[in-house]
Amino acid sequence: MNRSAGIPGNQSAAEGESLSESPLLPALEQLGTAKCPICGHEVAIYRTKTNRPFLNCGFCSARIFYNGREAIRRLLEGLTAAGTDELKISKGHSLL
């Protein structure tokens, strides 16, 4: 009886090769960078699963979620886009 068949991590070489072929994708989409309103360091702005921008500052540990239209508008004004297409998509989407 093969007891290791149902245990994760105990795969044959053929099964392990198929897993490594899939590309790794980021968990959240990065919109760009902006200055942290608390400490002023340049930090990444991400889009949540509910399509709202937020920042997670690694310097001062602030987590800021932008929920209102005016807050999102001000954030987009000071945002340095990660790519030119991404900023256009985020403005055209339901961020505003």
C-alpha atoms as a PDB file:
ATOM      1  CA  MET A   1       0.000   0.000   0.000  1.00  0.00           C
ATOM      2  CA  ASN A   2       1.373   3.426  -0.969  1.00  0.00           C
ATOM      3  CA  ARG A   3       0.770   5.746   2.000  1.00  0.00           C
ATOM      4  CA  SER A   4       2.516   8.760   0.462  1.00  0.00           C
ATOM      5  CA  ALA A   5       0.073   9.029  -2.465  1.00  0.00           C
ATOM      6  CA  GLY A   6      -2.268  11.496  -0.717  1.00  0.00           C
ATOM      7  CA  ILE A   7       0.379  13.538   1.124  1.00  0.00           C
ATOM      8  CA  PRO A   8       1.285  16.912  -0.430  1.00  0.00           C
ATOM      9  CA  GLY A   9       4.960  17.199  -1.320  1.00  0.00           C
ATOM     10  CA  ASN A  10       5.324  13.465  -1.986  1.00  0.00           C
ATOM     11  CA  GLN A  11       4.878  13.548  -5.741  1.00  0.00           C
ATOM     12  CA  SER A  12       6.713  11.628  -8.355  1.00  0.00           C
ATOM     13  CA  ALA A  13       9.165  13.437 -10.641  1.00  0.00           C
ATOM     14  CA  ALA A  14       6.630  13.601 -13.483  1.00  0.00           C
ATOM     15  CA  GLU A  15       3.994  15.250 -11.281  1.00  0.00           C
ATOM     16  CA  GLY A  16       6.496  17.741  -9.823  1.00  0.00           C
ATOM     17  CA  GLU A  17       7.630  18.854 -13.287  1.00  0.00           C
ATOM     18  CA  SER A  18       4.105  19.799 -14.339  1.00  0.00           C
ATOM     19  CA  LEU A  19       3.715  21.956 -11.224  1.00  0.00           C
ATOM     20  CA  SER A  20       6.890  23.939 -11.874  1.00  0.00           C
ATOM     21  CA  GLU A  21       5.816  24.840 -15.413  1.00  0.00           C
ATOM     22  CA  SER A  22       2.978  27.111 -14.252  1.00  0.00           C
ATOM     23  CA  PRO A  23       4.092  30.762 -13.918  1.00  0.00           C
ATOM     24  CA  LEU A  24       3.902  32.482 -10.547  1.00  0.00           C
ATOM     25  CA  LEU A  25       1.523  35.446 -10.498  1.00  0.00           C
ATOM     26  CA  PRO A  26       1.296  38.216  -7.887  1.00  0.00           C
ATOM     27  CA  ALA A  27      -1.558  37.965  -5.402  1.00  0.00           C
ATOM     28  CA  LEU A  28      -2.656  41.572  -5.937  1.00  0.00           C
ATOM     29  CA  GLU A  29      -2.361  43.869  -8.934  1.00  0.00           C
ATOM     30  CA  GLN A  30       0.078  46.748  -8.433  1.00  0.00           C
ATOM     31  CA  LEU A  31      -1.226  50.083  -9.714  1.00  0.00           C
ATOM     32  CA  GLY A  32       1.959  52.066  -9.188  1.00  0.00           C
ATOM     33  CA  THR A  33       3.797  53.934  -6.452  1.00  0.00           C
ATOM     34  CA  ALA A  34       2.993  56.942  -4.288  1.00  0.00           C
ATOM     35  CA  LYS A  35       4.340  58.608  -1.170  1.00  0.00           C
ATOM     36  CA  CYS A  36       3.123  57.226   2.157  1.00  0.00           C
ATOM     37  CA  PRO A  37       0.996  59.959   3.797  1.00  0.00           C
ATOM     38  CA  ILE A  38       2.454  59.065   7.218  1.00  0.00           C
ATOM     39  CA  CYS A  39       6.246  58.796   6.711  1.00  0.00           C
ATOM     40  CA  GLY A  40       6.734  60.059   3.126  1.00  0.00           C
ATOM     41  CA  HIS A  41       8.545  56.971   1.753  1.00  0.00           C
ATOM     42  CA  GLU A  42       7.737  55.810  -1.770  1.00  0.00           C
ATOM     43  CA  VAL A  43       5.520  52.697  -1.501  1.00  0.00           C
ATOM     44  CA  ALA A  44       3.564  50.479  -3.886  1.00  0.00           C
ATOM     45  CA  ILE A  45      -0.167  50.924  -4.340  1.00  0.00           C
ATOM     46  CA  TYR A  46      -2.153  47.724  -4.852  1.00  0.00           C
ATOM     47  CA  ARG A  47      -5.706  46.959  -5.918  1.00  0.00           C
ATOM     48  CA  THR A  48      -7.764  44.837  -3.518  1.00  0.00           C
ATOM     49  CA  LYS A  49     -10.119  42.051  -4.552  1.00  0.00           C
ATOM     50  CA  THR A  50     -12.967  44.577  -4.291  1.00  0.00           C
ATOM     51  CA  ASN A  51     -11.158  46.843  -6.804  1.00  0.00           C
ATOM     52  CA  ARG A  52     -10.136  49.499  -4.255  1.00  0.00           C
ATOM     53  CA  PRO A  53      -6.573  50.878  -4.002  1.00  0.00           C
ATOM     54  CA  PHE A  54      -4.555  50.508  -0.803  1.00  0.00           C
ATOM     55  CA  LEU A  55      -0.990  50.892   0.403  1.00  0.00           C
ATOM     56  CA  ASN A  56       0.950  48.852   2.923  1.00  0.00           C
ATOM     57  CA  CYS A  57       4.017  50.804   4.054  1.00  0.00           C
ATOM     58  CA  GLY A  58       6.932  48.653   5.151  1.00  0.00           C
ATOM     59  CA  PHE A  59       8.666  51.609   6.787  1.00  0.00           C
ATOM     60  CA  CYS A  60       6.021  52.880   9.231  1.00  0.00           C
ATOM     61  CA  SER A  61       3.653  49.836   9.068  1.00  0.00           C
ATOM     62  CA  ALA A  62       0.687  51.937   7.940  1.00  0.00           C
ATOM     63  CA  ARG A  63      -2.101  50.244   5.981  1.00  0.00           C
ATOM     64  CA  ILE A  64      -4.310  52.722   4.204  1.00  0.00           C
ATOM     65  CA  PHE A  65      -7.389  51.788   2.188  1.00  0.00           C
ATOM     66  CA  TYR A  66      -8.858  54.368  -0.183  1.00  0.00           C
ATOM     67  CA  ASN A  67     -12.627  53.912  -0.310  1.00  0.00           C
ATOM     68  CA  GLY A  68     -14.187  57.289  -1.127  1.00  0.00           C
ATOM     69  CA  ARG A  69     -14.268  58.893  -4.573  1.00  0.00           C
ATOM     70  CA  GLU A  70     -12.394  62.001  -3.457  1.00  0.00           C
ATOM     71  CA  ALA A  71      -9.666  59.973  -1.717  1.00  0.00           C
ATOM     72  CA  ILE A  72      -9.215  57.774  -4.803  1.00  0.00           C
ATOM     73  CA  ARG A  73      -9.126  60.841  -7.077  1.00  0.00           C
ATOM     74  CA  ARG A  74      -6.397  62.461  -4.956  1.00  0.00           C
ATOM     75  CA  LEU A  75      -4.426  59.228  -4.862  1.00  0.00           C
ATOM     76  CA  LEU A  76      -4.562  58.849  -8.651  1.00  0.00           C
ATOM     77  CA  GLU A  77      -3.299  62.436  -9.096  1.00  0.00           C
ATOM     78  CA  GLY A  78      -0.109  61.647  -7.161  1.00  0.00           C
ATOM     79  CA  LEU A  79       0.314  58.096  -8.424  1.00  0.00           C
ATOM     80  CA  THR A  80       3.357  57.113 -10.471  1.00  0.00           C
ATOM     81  CA  ALA A  81       2.050  54.349 -12.711  1.00  0.00           C
ATOM     82  CA  ALA A  82       3.747  50.962 -12.815  1.00  0.00           C
ATOM     83  CA  GLY A  83       2.934  50.913 -16.548  1.00  0.00           C
ATOM     84  CA  THR A  84       1.210  53.482 -18.737  1.00  0.00           C
ATOM     85  CA  ASP A  85      -1.638  51.109 -19.634  1.00  0.00           C
ATOM     86  CA  GLU A  86      -2.334  50.132 -16.017  1.00  0.00           C
ATOM     87  CA  LEU A  87      -3.103  53.694 -14.897  1.00  0.00           C
ATOM     88  CA  LYS A  88      -5.464  54.241 -17.836  1.00  0.00           C
ATOM     89  CA  ILE A  89      -7.268  50.981 -17.064  1.00  0.00           C
ATOM     90  CA  SER A  90      -7.616  51.851 -13.387  1.00  0.00           C
ATOM     91  CA  LYS A  91      -9.041  55.300 -14.205  1.00  0.00           C
ATOM     92  CA  GLY A  92     -11.428  53.802 -16.749  1.00  0.00           C
ATOM     93  CA  HIS A  93     -12.511  51.057 -14.376  1.00  0.00           C
ATOM     94  CA  SER A  94     -14.705  51.494 -11.343  1.00  0.00           C
ATOM     95  CA  LEU A  95     -11.995  53.067  -9.175  1.00  0.00           C
ATOM     96  CA  LEU A  96     -13.613  56.481  -9.590  1.00  0.00           C
END
